Amino acid sequence: MVLYFESDNEVYLLLADHQGRASKRGWGSFGGGASKGESAAETAARETEEETRGYFLRSDLLKTIKDQVPVVSAAGFSLYFARVAFAPVQRIANNAIPEDANPYAERGPYAWMPYSELEQHLLSPIEQKKKHRIDVRFLPEGYHSDWAWPDWLGSMRLAIESGALPWAEK
């Protein structure tokens, strides 16, 4: 799920670094595997809640995406977009989580990334083995990687090609 807000003619995407897997993945939005019986939307909302340390609640996210048709990649990733209110990344990172909720701490640090910074990578087909660098000015202290996850970029490119970016002019 791509969380975003708009301000001063710019779109900002909330991204997170993949802790412990920095050399393989890099920065991307939120998601993961389905639990038994979950729909794609339920999985996206649950994973986003977990990966934002419970700051964004799955019930709110599900309401936001309930009528949305996801962008589905060839790899089977379902991409949803949810417009949210700005929240400082430190508030998200410091959100109190239940002690028994290990998955809630699997991602971070977080950054609100200007879409214009990522757009350069989305103008041509995504090379899986390439490290699609992000300007470190946009990355917080303690970041693990300085590139965007190619699988996520591929899903974003598909969203552009299918006209699914909610902030794009129709």
Protein backbone atom coordinates (compact mmCIF):
# COMPACT_ATOMS: atom_id res chain seq x y z
CA MET A 1 0.00 0.00 0.00
CA VAL A 2 1.29 3.42 -0.94
CA LEU A 3 0.49 6.06 1.68
CA TYR A 4 0.70 9.62 0.42
CA PHE A 5 -0.23 13.23 1.09
CA GLU A 6 -0.13 16.32 -1.10
CA SER A 7 1.34 19.71 -0.21
CA ASP A 8 2.41 22.73 -2.27
CA ASN A 9 2.02 20.99 -5.65
CA GLU A 10 4.09 17.98 -4.54
CA VAL A 11 3.05 14.46 -3.63
CA TYR A 12 4.92 12.79 -0.77
CA LEU A 13 5.02 9.02 -0.36
CA LEU A 14 5.67 7.38 2.99
CA LEU A 15 8.43 4.87 2.43
CA ALA A 16 10.33 2.59 4.76
CA ASP A 17 13.71 0.93 4.59
CA HIS A 18 13.78 -2.87 4.84
CA GLN A 19 15.59 -3.58 8.12
CA GLY A 20 18.03 -6.44 7.99
CA ARG A 21 17.47 -6.87 4.26
CA ALA A 22 18.92 -3.58 3.09
CA SER A 23 21.34 -5.16 0.64
CA LYS A 24 18.48 -6.96 -1.11
CA ARG A 25 15.51 -4.63 -1.14
CA GLY A 26 15.93 -0.98 -0.18
CA TRP A 27 13.12 1.55 0.21
CA GLY A 28 9.51 0.90 -0.70
CA SER A 29 5.94 1.19 0.47
CA PHE A 30 4.19 -1.39 2.65
CA GLY A 31 2.98 -4.92 2.12
CA GLY A 32 3.64 -8.60 2.46
CA GLY A 33 2.16 -12.05 2.31
CA ALA A 34 -1.46 -12.89 2.95
CA SER A 35 -2.67 -14.66 6.06
CA LYS A 36 -5.11 -17.51 5.52
CA GLY A 37 -8.45 -16.25 4.25
CA GLU A 38 -7.40 -12.64 3.68
CA SER A 39 -8.32 -10.66 0.61
CA ALA A 40 -5.63 -8.60 -1.10
CA ALA A 41 -7.08 -5.43 0.48
CA GLU A 42 -7.12 -6.99 3.94
CA THR A 43 -3.51 -8.10 3.52
CA ALA A 44 -2.44 -4.63 2.37
CA ALA A 45 -4.18 -2.97 5.31
CA ARG A 46 -2.83 -5.44 7.90
CA GLU A 47 0.72 -5.29 6.57
CA THR A 48 0.63 -1.50 6.41
CA GLU A 49 -0.63 -1.32 9.99
CA GLU A 50 2.15 -3.68 11.12
CA GLU A 51 4.90 -2.00 9.12
CA THR A 52 3.94 1.48 10.35
CA ARG A 53 4.11 0.21 13.95
CA GLY A 54 0.34 0.46 14.29
CA TYR A 55 0.26 4.19 13.53
CA PHE A 56 -2.04 3.75 10.54
CA LEU A 57 -4.88 1.42 11.53
CA ARG A 58 -6.03 -1.33 9.21
CA SER A 59 -9.70 -0.49 9.78
CA ASP A 60 -9.11 3.09 8.58
CA LEU A 61 -6.99 1.91 5.65
CA LEU A 62 -9.63 -0.62 4.58
CA LYS A 63 -12.26 2.12 4.53
CA THR A 64 -9.97 4.25 2.37
CA ILE A 65 -9.33 1.53 -0.23
CA LYS A 66 -12.68 -0.31 -0.09
CA ASP A 67 -13.77 0.69 -3.61
CA GLN A 68 -10.31 0.71 -5.16
CA VAL A 69 -9.22 -1.73 -7.84
CA PRO A 70 -5.59 -2.61 -7.10
CA VAL A 71 -2.77 -2.56 -9.61
CA VAL A 72 -1.65 -6.18 -9.85
CA SER A 73 1.86 -6.90 -11.10
CA ALA A 74 2.97 -10.00 -13.00
CA ALA A 75 4.62 -11.15 -9.74
CA GLY A 76 1.21 -10.99 -8.04
CA PHE A 77 1.75 -7.84 -5.95
CA SER A 78 -1.49 -5.88 -5.41
CA LEU A 79 -0.83 -2.17 -5.06
CA TYR A 80 -3.31 0.14 -3.35
CA PHE A 81 -3.09 3.90 -2.75
CA ALA A 82 -4.30 5.63 0.41
CA ARG A 83 -4.27 9.38 0.92
CA VAL A 84 -3.47 10.07 4.57
CA ALA A 85 -2.85 13.06 6.78
CA PHE A 86 0.79 14.04 7.21
CA ALA A 87 2.41 12.61 10.33
CA PRO A 88 6.02 13.25 11.32
CA VAL A 89 8.10 10.14 10.70
CA GLN A 90 9.35 10.24 14.29
CA ARG A 91 5.78 9.93 15.51
CA ILE A 92 5.36 6.82 13.35
CA ALA A 93 8.73 5.37 14.38
CA ASN A 94 8.04 5.99 18.06
CA ASN A 95 4.47 4.72 18.07
CA ALA A 96 3.97 2.43 21.06
CA ILE A 97 3.38 -1.15 19.95
CA PRO A 98 2.21 -4.16 21.91
CA GLU A 99 5.11 -6.17 23.39
CA ASP A 100 3.92 -9.36 21.67
CA ALA A 101 3.67 -7.72 18.22
CA ASN A 102 7.08 -8.51 16.68
CA PRO A 103 6.04 -7.88 13.06
CA TYR A 104 5.21 -4.32 14.04
CA ALA A 105 8.93 -3.44 14.19
CA GLU A 106 10.10 -5.03 10.94
CA ARG A 107 10.49 -1.81 8.93
CA GLY A 108 12.22 1.50 9.39
CA PRO A 109 13.46 4.09 9.34
CA TYR A 110 10.74 6.01 7.53
CA ALA A 111 10.81 8.95 5.13
CA TRP A 112 8.27 11.10 3.33
CA MET A 113 9.76 10.95 -0.16
CA PRO A 114 8.79 13.51 -2.80
CA TYR A 115 7.29 11.67 -5.75
CA SER A 116 9.37 13.90 -8.02
CA GLU A 117 12.52 12.30 -6.57
CA LEU A 118 11.30 8.83 -7.56
CA GLU A 119 9.79 9.80 -10.88
CA GLN A 120 13.19 9.71 -12.63
CA HIS A 121 13.33 5.96 -11.98
CA LEU A 122 9.81 5.39 -13.29
CA LEU A 123 10.26 6.85 -16.77
CA SER A 124 11.75 3.68 -18.25
CA PRO A 125 11.50 -0.06 -17.56
CA ILE A 126 12.84 -1.05 -14.15
CA GLU A 127 16.09 -3.00 -14.14
CA GLN A 128 15.88 -5.59 -11.36
CA LYS A 129 19.62 -5.84 -10.73
CA LYS A 130 20.21 -2.08 -10.71
CA LYS A 131 20.30 -0.03 -7.53
CA HIS A 132 17.91 2.83 -8.22
CA ARG A 133 19.56 5.47 -6.03
CA ILE A 134 17.67 7.96 -3.89
CA ASP A 135 19.27 11.30 -3.07
CA VAL A 136 20.47 10.93 0.53
CA ARG A 137 19.15 14.43 1.32
CA PHE A 138 15.73 12.79 1.56
CA LEU A 139 16.82 9.93 3.82
CA PRO A 140 16.76 10.07 7.61
CA GLU A 141 19.61 9.39 9.97
CA GLY A 142 20.16 5.67 10.42
CA TYR A 143 19.07 4.61 6.94
CA HIS A 144 20.25 1.17 5.79
CA SER A 145 20.11 1.62 2.03
CA ASP A 146 19.99 4.49 -0.44
CA TRP A 147 18.02 2.89 -3.24
CA ALA A 148 14.42 2.03 -4.04
CA TRP A 149 13.35 -1.61 -4.14
CA PRO A 150 13.10 -2.59 -7.84
CA ASP A 151 9.99 -4.79 -7.33
CA TRP A 152 8.17 -1.85 -5.77
CA LEU A 153 9.34 0.51 -8.51
CA GLY A 154 8.04 -1.99 -11.07
CA SER A 155 4.61 -1.92 -9.42
CA MET A 156 4.66 1.87 -9.39
CA ARG A 157 5.58 1.95 -13.08
CA LEU A 158 2.67 -0.39 -13.81
CA ALA A 159 0.40 2.00 -11.87
CA ILE A 160 1.58 4.86 -14.09
CA GLU A 161 1.06 2.84 -17.28
CA SER A 162 -2.44 1.81 -16.22
CA GLY A 163 -3.44 5.34 -15.18
CA ALA A 164 -3.89 4.32 -11.54
CA LEU A 165 -1.90 7.04 -9.78
CA PRO A 166 -4.56 8.94 -7.85
CA TRP A 167 -2.66 12.23 -7.98
CA ALA A 168 -1.99 12.13 -11.72
CA GLU A 169 -4.06 14.39 -13.91
CA LYS A 170 -6.74 12.41 -15.70
